[in-house]
C-alpha cells in the first residue's frame, strides 16, 4: 500500500525551494523542501524532493525523501524513493526504500 503523497511533486502548499548553487550549513526545517539546482550541504526537512536535473552533495534527512535528480552522500529517511530519473551514490538509511525501474542506486543500504 503506497501513500499518494509519494507521487505528488509537491507534498503541501508550504514547499520551500532551495536556490541553485546553494551552500547551506546544517539546518533543520519543518517544511517541505524542493531542491532544483546544485546543492552542497546538510539539510533536514519534513519532506525533501530532489528535482530532475538537480545535483546534491551532502546529507539529507526527512520523513520522505524523493530523488528525481543526482545525489552523492547520505540520505536518512522514513521513506526514500528513487524515481526513474534518479541517481544515488553513497549511503541510505531508511524504513521503506522504493526504487523505480530505470533508477540507479550505488549505495550502502541500511534498514532502520
PDB file of N, CA and C in Angstrom:
ATOM      1  N   UNK A   1       0.863  -1.181   0.000  1.00  0.00           N
ATOM      2  CA  UNK A   1       0.000   0.000   0.000  1.00  0.00           C
ATOM      3  C   UNK A   1       0.896   1.227   0.000  1.00  0.00           C
ATOM      4  N   UNK A   2       0.751   2.031  -1.005  1.00  0.00           N
ATOM      5  CA  UNK A   2       1.629   3.179  -1.192  1.00  0.00           C
ATOM      6  C   UNK A   2       0.878   4.466  -0.881  1.00  0.00           C
ATOM      7  N   UNK A   3       1.530   5.357  -0.205  1.00  0.00           N
ATOM      8  CA  UNK A   3       0.919   6.638   0.127  1.00  0.00           C
ATOM      9  C   UNK A   3       0.794   7.497  -1.122  1.00  0.00           C
ATOM     10  N   UNK A   4      -0.359   8.152  -1.368  1.00  0.00           N
ATOM     11  CA  UNK A   4      -0.485   9.033  -2.513  1.00  0.00           C
ATOM     12  C   UNK A   4       0.480  10.210  -2.431  1.00  0.00           C
ATOM     13  N   UNK A   5       0.950  10.528  -1.235  1.00  0.00           N
ATOM     14  CA  UNK A   5       1.878  11.630  -1.035  1.00  0.00           C
ATOM     15  C   UNK A   5       3.163  11.413  -1.833  1.00  0.00           C
ATOM     16  N   UNK A   6       3.557  10.157  -2.048  1.00  0.00           N
ATOM     17  CA  UNK A   6       4.811   9.876  -2.720  1.00  0.00           C
ATOM     18  C   UNK A   6       4.782  10.200  -4.206  1.00  0.00           C
ATOM     19  N   UNK A   7       3.608  10.282  -4.812  1.00  0.00           N
ATOM     20  CA  UNK A   7       3.525  10.512  -6.246  1.00  0.00           C
ATOM     21  C   UNK A   7       3.244  11.957  -6.614  1.00  0.00           C
ATOM     22  N   UNK A   8       3.095  12.825  -5.648  1.00  0.00           N
ATOM     23  CA  UNK A   8       2.809  14.219  -5.951  1.00  0.00           C
ATOM     24  C   UNK A   8       4.103  15.020  -5.955  1.00  0.00           C
ATOM     25  N   UNK A   9       4.289  15.946  -6.901  1.00  0.00           N
ATOM     26  CA  UNK A   9       5.524  16.702  -6.943  1.00  0.00           C
ATOM     27  C   UNK A   9       5.668  17.671  -5.775  1.00  0.00           C
ATOM     28  N   UNK A  10       4.571  18.120  -5.223  1.00  0.00           N
ATOM     29  CA  UNK A  10       4.604  18.995  -4.048  1.00  0.00           C
ATOM     30  C   UNK A  10       3.700  18.382  -2.994  1.00  0.00           C
ATOM     31  N   UNK A  11       4.246  18.190  -1.816  1.00  0.00           N
ATOM     32  CA  UNK A  11       3.512  17.472  -0.788  1.00  0.00           C
ATOM     33  C   UNK A  11       2.484  18.360  -0.085  1.00  0.00           C
ATOM     34  N   UNK A  12       2.793  19.612   0.122  1.00  0.00           N
ATOM     35  CA  UNK A  12       1.924  20.551   0.823  1.00  0.00           C
ATOM     36  C   UNK A  12       2.143  21.940   0.235  1.00  0.00           C
ATOM     37  N   UNK A  13       1.249  22.876   0.494  1.00  0.00           N
ATOM     38  CA  UNK A  13       1.442  24.212  -0.065  1.00  0.00           C
ATOM     39  C   UNK A  13       2.626  24.972   0.534  1.00  0.00           C
ATOM     40  N   UNK A  14       3.220  24.476   1.598  1.00  0.00           N
ATOM     41  CA  UNK A  14       4.308  25.217   2.243  1.00  0.00           C
ATOM     42  C   UNK A  14       5.681  24.752   1.754  1.00  0.00           C
ATOM     43  N   UNK A  15       5.783  24.387   0.485  1.00  0.00           N
ATOM     44  CA  UNK A  15       7.061  23.930  -0.063  1.00  0.00           C
ATOM     45  C   UNK A  15       8.029  25.099  -0.161  1.00  0.00           C
ATOM     46  N   UNK A  16       9.233  24.890   0.289  1.00  0.00           N
ATOM     47  CA  UNK A  16      10.292  25.885   0.207  1.00  0.00           C
ATOM     48  C   UNK A  16      11.313  25.388  -0.809  1.00  0.00           C
ATOM     49  N   UNK A  17      11.622  26.204  -1.779  1.00  0.00           N
ATOM     50  CA  UNK A  17      12.579  25.805  -2.808  1.00  0.00           C
ATOM     51  C   UNK A  17      13.975  26.276  -2.430  1.00  0.00           C
ATOM     52  N   UNK A  18      14.954  25.430  -2.708  1.00  0.00           N
ATOM     53  CA  UNK A  18      16.352  25.775  -2.492  1.00  0.00           C
ATOM     54  C   UNK A  18      16.898  26.306  -3.808  1.00  0.00           C
ATOM     55  N   UNK A  19      17.515  27.475  -3.760  1.00  0.00           N
ATOM     56  CA  UNK A  19      18.061  28.105  -4.967  1.00  0.00           C
ATOM     57  C   UNK A  19      19.223  27.305  -5.531  1.00  0.00           C
ATOM     58  N   UNK A  20      19.445  27.435  -6.827  1.00  0.00           N
ATOM     59  CA  UNK A  20      20.625  26.806  -7.419  1.00  0.00           C
ATOM     60  C   UNK A  20      21.902  27.328  -6.774  1.00  0.00           C
ATOM     61  N   UNK A  21      22.901  26.485  -6.739  1.00  0.00           N
ATOM     62  CA  UNK A  21      24.215  26.795  -6.184  1.00  0.00           C
ATOM     63  C   UNK A  21      24.173  27.168  -4.704  1.00  0.00           C
ATOM     64  N   UNK A  22      23.202  26.619  -3.980  1.00  0.00           N
ATOM     65  CA  UNK A  22      23.102  26.913  -2.554  1.00  0.00           C
ATOM     66  C   UNK A  22      24.138  26.116  -1.777  1.00  0.00           C
ATOM     67  N   UNK A  23      24.794  26.777  -0.834  1.00  0.00           N
ATOM     68  CA  UNK A  23      25.656  26.097   0.129  1.00  0.00           C
ATOM     69  C   UNK A  23      25.045  26.389   1.487  1.00  0.00           C
ATOM     70  N   UNK A  24      24.673  25.346   2.178  1.00  0.00           N
ATOM     71  CA  UNK A  24      23.920  25.532   3.412  1.00  0.00           C
ATOM     72  C   UNK A  24      24.644  24.838   4.552  1.00  0.00           C
ATOM     73  N   UNK A  25      24.736  25.537   5.671  1.00  0.00           N
ATOM     74  CA  UNK A  25      25.252  24.910   6.881  1.00  0.00           C
ATOM     75  C   UNK A  25      24.149  24.006   7.410  1.00  0.00           C
ATOM     76  N   UNK A  26      24.468  23.094   8.322  1.00  0.00           N
ATOM     77  CA  UNK A  26      23.421  22.190   8.811  1.00  0.00           C
ATOM     78  C   UNK A  26      22.186  22.949   9.286  1.00  0.00           C
ATOM     79  N   UNK A  27      21.040  22.593   8.710  1.00  0.00           N
ATOM     80  CA  UNK A  27      19.788  23.236   9.080  1.00  0.00           C
ATOM     81  C   UNK A  27      18.711  22.195   9.275  1.00  0.00           C
ATOM     82  N   UNK A  28      17.731  22.549  10.077  1.00  0.00           N
ATOM     83  CA  UNK A  28      16.560  21.711  10.266  1.00  0.00           C
ATOM     84  C   UNK A  28      15.345  22.537   9.910  1.00  0.00           C
ATOM     85  N   UNK A  29      14.379  21.906   9.284  1.00  0.00           N
ATOM     86  CA  UNK A  29      13.180  22.611   8.862  1.00  0.00           C
ATOM     87  C   UNK A  29      11.983  21.698   9.042  1.00  0.00           C
ATOM     88  N   UNK A  30      10.881  22.260   9.446  1.00  0.00           N
ATOM     89  CA  UNK A  30       9.630  21.502   9.499  1.00  0.00           C
ATOM     90  C   UNK A  30       8.886  21.648   8.186  1.00  0.00           C
ATOM     91  N   UNK A  31       9.531  22.251   7.208  1.00  0.00           N
ATOM     92  CA  UNK A  31       8.912  22.489   5.923  1.00  0.00           C
ATOM     93  C   UNK A  31       9.198  21.351   4.959  1.00  0.00           C
ATOM     94  N   UNK A  32       8.473  21.373   3.846  1.00  0.00           N
ATOM     95  CA  UNK A  32       8.743  20.501   2.721  1.00  0.00           C
ATOM     96  C   UNK A  32       9.674  21.272   1.802  1.00  0.00           C
ATOM     97  N   UNK A  33      10.716  20.616   1.318  1.00  0.00           N
ATOM     98  CA  UNK A  33      11.762  21.301   0.574  1.00  0.00           C
ATOM     99  C   UNK A  33      11.930  20.672  -0.798  1.00  0.00           C
ATOM    100  N   UNK A  34      12.056  21.520  -1.822  1.00  0.00           N
ATOM    101  CA  UNK A  34      12.415  21.077  -3.160  1.00  0.00           C
ATOM    102  C   UNK A  34      13.786  21.641  -3.491  1.00  0.00           C
ATOM    103  N   UNK A  35      14.654  20.793  -4.013  1.00  0.00           N
ATOM    104  CA  UNK A  35      15.976  21.238  -4.439  1.00  0.00           C
ATOM    105  C   UNK A  35      15.985  21.185  -5.960  1.00  0.00           C
ATOM    106  N   UNK A  36      16.232  22.338  -6.582  1.00  0.00           N
ATOM    107  CA  UNK A  36      16.125  22.424  -8.024  1.00  0.00           C
ATOM    108  C   UNK A  36      17.382  22.895  -8.711  1.00  0.00           C
ATOM    109  N   UNK A  37      18.513  22.838  -8.057  1.00  0.00           N
ATOM    110  CA  UNK A  37      19.770  23.276  -8.658  1.00  0.00           C
ATOM    111  C   UNK A  37      20.903  22.464  -8.081  1.00  0.00           C
ATOM    112  N   UNK A  38      22.056  23.092  -7.934  1.00  0.00           N
ATOM    113  CA  UNK A  38      23.202  22.428  -7.315  1.00  0.00           C
ATOM    114  C   UNK A  38      23.204  22.792  -5.835  1.00  0.00           C
ATOM    115  N   UNK A  39      23.270  21.782  -4.971  1.00  0.00           N
ATOM    116  CA  UNK A  39      23.209  21.989  -3.526  1.00  0.00           C
ATOM    117  C   UNK A  39      24.336  21.217  -2.867  1.00  0.00           C
ATOM    118  N   UNK A  40      25.105  21.882  -2.016  1.00  0.00           N
ATOM    119  CA  UNK A  40      26.144  21.251  -1.212  1.00  0.00           C
ATOM    120  C   UNK A  40      25.856  21.568   0.237  1.00  0.00           C
ATOM    121  N   UNK A  41      25.705  20.550   1.071  1.00  0.00           N
ATOM    122  CA  UNK A  41      25.473  20.826   2.482  1.00  0.00           C
ATOM    123  C   UNK A  41      24.682  19.742   3.162  1.00  0.00           C
ATOM    124  N   UNK A  42      24.153  20.102   4.309  1.00  0.00           N
ATOM    125  CA  UNK A  42      23.372  19.197   5.148  1.00  0.00           C
ATOM    126  C   UNK A  42      22.011  19.844   5.358  1.00  0.00           C
ATOM    127  N   UNK A  43      20.954  19.070   5.126  1.00  0.00           N
ATOM    128  CA  UNK A  43      19.612  19.626   5.222  1.00  0.00           C
ATOM    129  C   UNK A  43      18.649  18.583   5.767  1.00  0.00           C
ATOM    130  N   UNK A  44      17.861  18.971   6.758  1.00  0.00           N
ATOM    131  CA  UNK A  44      16.783  18.140   7.285  1.00  0.00           C
ATOM    132  C   UNK A  44      15.475  18.866   7.063  1.00  0.00           C
ATOM    133  N   UNK A  45      14.456  18.149   6.633  1.00  0.00           N
ATOM    134  CA  UNK A  45      13.135  18.730   6.430  1.00  0.00           C
ATOM    135  C   UNK A  45      12.062  17.673   6.617  1.00  0.00           C
ATOM    136  N   UNK A  46      10.818  18.097   6.624  1.00  0.00           N
ATOM    137  CA  UNK A  46       9.723  17.139   6.733  1.00  0.00           C
ATOM    138  C   UNK A  46       9.747  16.209   5.529  1.00  0.00           C
ATOM    139  N   UNK A  47       9.787  16.794   4.339  1.00  0.00           N
ATOM    140  CA  UNK A  47       9.973  16.016   3.117  1.00  0.00           C
ATOM    141  C   UNK A  47      10.929  16.787   2.216  1.00  0.00           C
ATOM    142  N   UNK A  48      11.745  16.060   1.486  1.00  0.00           N
ATOM    143  CA  UNK A  48      12.713  16.672   0.585  1.00  0.00           C
ATOM    144  C   UNK A  48      12.565  16.022  -0.774  1.00  0.00           C
ATOM    145  N   UNK A  49      12.447  16.857  -1.815  1.00  0.00           N
ATOM    146  CA  UNK A  49      12.390  16.372  -3.185  1.00  0.00           C
ATOM    147  C   UNK A  49      13.570  16.953  -3.942  1.00  0.00           C
ATOM    148  N   UNK A  50      14.376  16.078  -4.524  1.00  0.00           N
ATOM    149  CA  UNK A  50      15.471  16.497  -5.391  1.00  0.00           C
ATOM    150  C   UNK A  50      14.924  16.395  -6.808  1.00  0.00           C
ATOM    151  N   UNK A  51      14.714  17.546  -7.432  1.00  0.00           N
ATOM    152  CA  UNK A  51      14.066  17.592  -8.734  1.00  0.00           C
ATOM    153  C   UNK A  51      14.977  17.076  -9.847  1.00  0.00           C
ATOM    154  N   UNK A  52      14.376  16.667 -10.952  1.00  0.00           N
ATOM    155  CA  UNK A  52      15.130  16.202 -12.110  1.00  0.00           C
ATOM    156  C   UNK A  52      16.063  17.322 -12.570  1.00  0.00           C
ATOM    157  N   UNK A  53      17.316  16.989 -12.825  1.00  0.00           N
ATOM    158  CA  UNK A  53      18.313  17.977 -13.229  1.00  0.00           C
ATOM    159  C   UNK A  53      19.070  18.583 -12.064  1.00  0.00           C
ATOM    160  N   UNK A  54      18.596  18.375 -10.839  1.00  0.00           N
ATOM    161  CA  UNK A  54      19.263  18.911  -9.647  1.00  0.00           C
ATOM    162  C   UNK A  54      20.405  17.982  -9.235  1.00  0.00           C
ATOM    163  N   UNK A  55      21.378  18.564  -8.517  1.00  0.00           N
ATOM    164  CA  UNK A  55      22.545  17.822  -8.063  1.00  0.00           C
ATOM    165  C   UNK A  55      22.787  18.148  -6.592  1.00  0.00           C
ATOM    166  N   UNK A  56      22.908  17.115  -5.766  1.00  0.00           N
ATOM    167  CA  UNK A  56      23.120  17.290  -4.330  1.00  0.00           C
ATOM    168  C   UNK A  56      24.369  16.539  -3.910  1.00  0.00           C
ATOM    169  N   UNK A  57      25.221  17.218  -3.144  1.00  0.00           N
ATOM    170  CA  UNK A  57      26.355  16.576  -2.496  1.00  0.00           C
ATOM    171  C   UNK A  57      26.240  16.905  -1.017  1.00  0.00           C
ATOM    172  N   UNK A  58      26.117  15.887  -0.180  1.00  0.00           N
ATOM    173  CA  UNK A  58      25.995  16.136   1.246  1.00  0.00           C
ATOM    174  C   UNK A  58      25.082  15.144   1.925  1.00  0.00           C
ATOM    175  N   UNK A  59      24.313  15.642   2.903  1.00  0.00           N
ATOM    176  CA  UNK A  59      23.421  14.791   3.682  1.00  0.00           C
ATOM    177  C   UNK A  59      22.017  15.375   3.675  1.00  0.00           C
ATOM    178  N   UNK A  60      21.031  14.498   3.461  1.00  0.00           N
ATOM    179  CA  UNK A  60      19.628  14.890   3.512  1.00  0.00           C
ATOM    180  C   UNK A  60      18.911  13.986   4.500  1.00  0.00           C
ATOM    181  N   UNK A  61      18.037  14.583   5.305  1.00  0.00           N
ATOM    182  CA  UNK A  61      17.248  13.807   6.254  1.00  0.00           C
ATOM    183  C   UNK A  61      15.820  14.302   6.269  1.00  0.00           C
ATOM    184  N   UNK A  62      14.865  13.373   6.363  1.00  0.00           N
ATOM    185  CA  UNK A  62      13.462  13.765   6.415  1.00  0.00           C
ATOM    186  C   UNK A  62      12.552  12.559   6.514  1.00  0.00           C
ATOM    187  N   UNK A  63      11.270  12.825   6.707  1.00  0.00           N
ATOM    188  CA  UNK A  63      10.306  11.734   6.745  1.00  0.00           C
ATOM    189  C   UNK A  63      10.222  11.059   5.380  1.00  0.00           C
ATOM    190  N   UNK A  64      10.131  11.878   4.325  1.00  0.00           N
ATOM    191  CA  UNK A  64      10.056  11.368   2.956  1.00  0.00           C
ATOM    192  C   UNK A  64      11.118  12.079   2.125  1.00  0.00           C
ATOM    193  N   UNK A  65      11.959  11.306   1.451  1.00  0.00           N
ATOM    194  CA  UNK A  65      12.958  11.863   0.539  1.00  0.00           C
ATOM    195  C   UNK A  65      12.708  11.234  -0.825  1.00  0.00           C
ATOM    196  N   UNK A  66      12.489  12.083  -1.817  1.00  0.00           N
ATOM    197  CA  UNK A  66      12.225  11.607  -3.171  1.00  0.00           C
ATOM    198  C   UNK A  66      13.291  12.178  -4.096  1.00  0.00           C
ATOM    199  N   UNK A  67      13.941  11.297  -4.881  1.00  0.00           N
ATOM    200  CA  UNK A  67      15.062  11.701  -5.723  1.00  0.00           C
ATOM    201  C   UNK A  67      14.695  11.510  -7.191  1.00  0.00           C
ATOM    202  N   UNK A  68      14.652  12.621  -7.908  1.00  0.00           N
ATOM    203  CA  UNK A  68      14.459  12.608  -9.364  1.00  0.00           C
ATOM    204  C   UNK A  68      15.768  12.965 -10.063  1.00  0.00           C
ATOM    205  N   UNK A  69      16.707  13.569  -9.324  1.00  0.00           N
ATOM    206  CA  UNK A  69      17.981  14.042  -9.862  1.00  0.00           C
ATOM    207  C   UNK A  69      19.140  13.210  -9.352  1.00  0.00           C
ATOM    208  N   UNK A  70      20.277  13.862  -9.078  1.00  0.00           N
ATOM    209  CA  UNK A  70      21.517  13.204  -8.670  1.00  0.00           C
ATOM    210  C   UNK A  70      21.836  13.542  -7.220  1.00  0.00           C
ATOM    211  N   UNK A  71      22.152  12.510  -6.430  1.00  0.00           N
ATOM    212  CA  UNK A  71      22.549  12.715  -5.042  1.00  0.00           C
ATOM    213  C   UNK A  71      23.795  11.890  -4.755  1.00  0.00           C
ATOM    214  N   UNK A  72      24.809  12.561  -4.195  1.00  0.00           N
ATOM    215  CA  UNK A  72      26.007  11.875  -3.721  1.00  0.00           C
ATOM    216  C   UNK A  72      26.159  12.220  -2.253  1.00  0.00           C
ATOM    217  N   UNK A  73      26.071  11.200  -1.393  1.00  0.00           N
ATOM    218  CA  UNK A  73      26.190  11.452   0.030  1.00  0.00           C
ATOM    219  C   UNK A  73      25.316  10.505   0.825  1.00  0.00           C
ATOM    220  N   UNK A  74      24.748  11.024   1.904  1.00  0.00           N
ATOM    221  CA  UNK A  74      23.974  10.211   2.827  1.00  0.00           C
ATOM    222  C   UNK A  74      22.524  10.684   2.856  1.00  0.00           C
ATOM    223  N   UNK A  75      21.596   9.729   2.738  1.00  0.00           N
ATOM    224  CA  UNK A  75      20.166  10.011   2.867  1.00  0.00           C
ATOM    225  C   UNK A  75      19.636   9.225   4.054  1.00  0.00           C
ATOM    226  N   UNK A  76      18.930   9.911   4.952  1.00  0.00           N
ATOM    227  CA  UNK A  76      18.289   9.263   6.098  1.00  0.00           C
ATOM    228  C   UNK A  76      16.820   9.651   6.084  1.00  0.00           C
ATOM    229  N   UNK A  77      15.928   8.659   5.917  1.00  0.00           N
ATOM    230  CA  UNK A  77      14.509   8.982   5.875  1.00  0.00           C
ATOM    231  C   UNK A  77      13.649   7.790   6.223  1.00  0.00           C
ATOM    232  N   UNK A  78      12.454   8.075   6.700  1.00  0.00           N
ATOM    233  CA  UNK A  78      11.498   7.002   6.942  1.00  0.00           C
ATOM    234  C   UNK A  78      11.166   6.331   5.619  1.00  0.00           C
ATOM    235  N   UNK A  79      10.934   7.145   4.584  1.00  0.00           N
ATOM    236  CA  UNK A  79      10.676   6.635   3.239  1.00  0.00           C
ATOM    237  C   UNK A  79      11.645   7.318   2.283  1.00  0.00           C
ATOM    238  N   UNK A  80      12.387   6.523   1.538  1.00  0.00           N
ATOM    239  CA  UNK A  80      13.256   7.048   0.483  1.00  0.00           C
ATOM    240  C   UNK A  80      12.766   6.442  -0.822  1.00  0.00           C
ATOM    241  N   UNK A  81      12.502   7.319  -1.788  1.00  0.00           N
ATOM    242  CA  UNK A  81      12.063   6.849  -3.103  1.00  0.00           C
ATOM    243  C   UNK A  81      12.979   7.428  -4.168  1.00  0.00           C
ATOM    244  N   UNK A  82      13.545   6.538  -4.990  1.00  0.00           N
ATOM    245  CA  UNK A  82      14.390   6.957  -6.099  1.00  0.00           C
ATOM    246  C   UNK A  82      13.586   6.716  -7.373  1.00  0.00           C
ATOM    247  N   UNK A  83      13.247   7.802  -8.042  1.00  0.00           N
ATOM    248  CA  UNK A  83      12.424   7.732  -9.250  1.00  0.00           C
ATOM    249  C   UNK A  83      13.277   7.308 -10.447  1.00  0.00           C
ATOM    250  N   UNK A  84      12.637   7.039 -11.581  1.00  0.00           N
ATOM    251  CA  UNK A  84      13.302   6.513 -12.772  1.00  0.00           C
ATOM    252  C   UNK A  84      14.465   7.379 -13.238  1.00  0.00           C
ATOM    253  N   UNK A  85      14.367   8.691 -13.058  1.00  0.00           N
ATOM    254  CA  UNK A  85      15.435   9.601 -13.483  1.00  0.00           C
ATOM    255  C   UNK A  85      16.481   9.819 -12.398  1.00  0.00           C
ATOM    256  N   UNK A  86      16.312   9.193 -11.232  1.00  0.00           N
ATOM    257  CA  UNK A  86      17.200   9.411 -10.100  1.00  0.00           C
ATOM    258  C   UNK A  86      18.477   8.600 -10.150  1.00  0.00           C
ATOM    259  N   UNK A  87      19.539   9.186  -9.577  1.00  0.00           N
ATOM    260  CA  UNK A  87      20.836   8.534  -9.462  1.00  0.00           C
ATOM    261  C   UNK A  87      21.350   8.834  -8.063  1.00  0.00           C
ATOM    262  N   UNK A  88      21.604   7.786  -7.286  1.00  0.00           N
ATOM    263  CA  UNK A  88      22.070   7.965  -5.912  1.00  0.00           C
ATOM    264  C   UNK A  88      23.328   7.146  -5.708  1.00  0.00           C
ATOM    265  N   UNK A  89      24.358   7.793  -5.126  1.00  0.00           N
ATOM    266  CA  UNK A  89      25.532   7.044  -4.700  1.00  0.00           C
ATOM    267  C   UNK A  89      25.924   7.515  -3.313  1.00  0.00           C
ATOM    268  N   UNK A  90      26.247   6.541  -2.461  1.00  0.00           N
ATOM    269  CA  UNK A  90      26.625   6.893  -1.099  1.00  0.00           C
ATOM    270  C   UNK A  90      26.050   5.929  -0.089  1.00  0.00           C
ATOM    271  N   UNK A  91      25.178   6.461   0.771  1.00  0.00           N
ATOM    272  CA  UNK A  91      24.657   5.698   1.895  1.00  0.00           C
ATOM    273  C   UNK A  91      23.177   6.014   2.096  1.00  0.00           C
ATOM    274  N   UNK A  92      22.365   4.972   2.294  1.00  0.00           N
ATOM    275  CA  UNK A  92      20.930   5.148   2.539  1.00  0.00           C
ATOM    276  C   UNK A  92      20.562   4.490   3.859  1.00  0.00           C
ATOM    277  N   UNK A  93      19.839   5.235   4.714  1.00  0.00           N
ATOM    278  CA  UNK A  93      19.254   4.695   5.940  1.00  0.00           C
ATOM    279  C   UNK A  93      17.770   4.963   5.865  1.00  0.00           C
ATOM    280  N   UNK A  94      16.929   3.936   6.010  1.00  0.00           N
ATOM    281  CA  UNK A  94      15.512   4.066   5.711  1.00  0.00           C
ATOM    282  C   UNK A  94      14.684   3.040   6.484  1.00  0.00           C
ATOM    283  N   UNK A  95      13.384   3.291   6.537  1.00  0.00           N
ATOM    284  CA  UNK A  95      12.415   2.279   6.962  1.00  0.00           C
ATOM    285  C   UNK A  95      11.812   1.610   5.735  1.00  0.00           C
ATOM    286  N   UNK A  96      11.519   2.423   4.709  1.00  0.00           N
ATOM    287  CA  UNK A  96      10.969   1.925   3.450  1.00  0.00           C
ATOM    288  C   UNK A  96      11.795   2.494   2.304  1.00  0.00           C
ATOM    289  N   UNK A  97      12.239   1.619   1.410  1.00  0.00           N
ATOM    290  CA  UNK A  97      13.018   2.034   0.253  1.00  0.00           C
ATOM    291  C   UNK A  97      12.273   1.607  -1.009  1.00  0.00           C
ATOM    292  N   UNK A  98      12.000   2.576  -1.886  1.00  0.00           N
ATOM    293  CA  UNK A  98      11.306   2.321  -3.146  1.00  0.00           C
ATOM    294  C   UNK A  98      12.210   2.775  -4.284  1.00  0.00           C
ATOM    295  N   UNK A  99      12.527   1.866  -5.195  1.00  0.00           N
ATOM    296  CA  UNK A  99      13.385   2.191  -6.326  1.00  0.00           C
ATOM    297  C   UNK A  99      12.608   1.888  -7.594  1.00  0.00           C
ATOM    298  N   UNK A 100      12.304   2.923  -8.366  1.00  0.00           N
ATOM    299  CA  UNK A 100      11.561   2.759  -9.609  1.00  0.00           C
ATOM    300  C   UNK A 100      12.448   2.167 -10.698  1.00  0.00           C
ATOM    301  N   UNK A 101      11.823   1.487 -11.644  1.00  0.00           N
ATOM    302  CA  UNK A 101      12.547   0.945 -12.792  1.00  0.00           C
ATOM    303  C   UNK A 101      13.264   2.082 -13.514  1.00  0.00           C
ATOM    304  N   UNK A 102      14.524   1.865 -13.855  1.00  0.00           N
ATOM    305  CA  UNK A 102      15.313   2.884 -14.539  1.00  0.00           C
ATOM    306  C   UNK A 102      16.192   3.701 -13.611  1.00  0.00           C
ATOM    307  N   UNK A 103      15.910   3.680 -12.310  1.00  0.00           N
ATOM    308  CA  UNK A 103      16.727   4.427 -11.343  1.00  0.00           C
ATOM    309  C   UNK A 103      18.076   3.737 -11.172  1.00  0.00           C
ATOM    310  N   UNK A 104      19.076   4.538 -10.762  1.00  0.00           N
ATOM    311  CA  UNK A 104      20.399   3.987 -10.473  1.00  0.00           C
ATOM    312  C   UNK A 104      20.726   4.237  -9.020  1.00  0.00           C
ATOM    313  N   UNK A 105      21.042   3.160  -8.297  1.00  0.00           N
ATOM    314  CA  UNK A 105      21.411   3.278  -6.884  1.00  0.00           C
ATOM    315  C   UNK A 105      22.705   2.487  -6.677  1.00  0.00           C
ATOM    316  N   UNK A 106      23.740   3.207  -6.279  1.00  0.00           N
ATOM    317  CA  UNK A 106      25.034   2.610  -5.960  1.00  0.00           C
ATOM    318  C   UNK A 106      25.355   3.054  -4.537  1.00  0.00           C
ATOM    319  N   UNK A 107      24.779   2.339  -3.561  1.00  0.00           N
ATOM    320  CA  UNK A 107      24.848   2.817  -2.190  1.00  0.00           C
ATOM    321  C   UNK A 107      24.849   1.662  -1.204  1.00  0.00           C
ATOM    322  N   UNK A 108      25.412   1.945  -0.044  1.00  0.00           N
ATOM    323  CA  UNK A 108      25.307   1.033   1.096  1.00  0.00           C
ATOM    324  C   UNK A 108      23.956   1.305   1.731  1.00  0.00           C
ATOM    325  N   UNK A 109      23.100   0.286   1.808  1.00  0.00           N
ATOM    326  CA  UNK A 109      21.725   0.463   2.283  1.00  0.00           C
ATOM    327  C   UNK A 109      21.537  -0.196   3.632  1.00  0.00           C
ATOM    328  N   UNK A 110      20.957   0.559   4.586  1.00  0.00           N
ATOM    329  CA  UNK A 110      20.687   0.049   5.921  1.00  0.00           C
ATOM    330  C   UNK A 110      19.242   0.325   6.292  1.00  0.00           C
ATOM    331  N   UNK A 111      18.512  -0.731   6.617  1.00  0.00           N
ATOM    332  CA  UNK A 111      17.124  -0.555   7.053  1.00  0.00           C
ATOM    333  C   UNK A 111      17.103  -0.323   8.553  1.00  0.00           C
ATOM    334  N   UNK A 112      16.406   0.734   8.972  1.00  0.00           N
ATOM    335  CA  UNK A 112      16.291   1.055  10.409  1.00  0.00           C
ATOM    336  C   UNK A 112      15.150   0.305  11.034  1.00  0.00           C
TER     337      UNK A 112
END
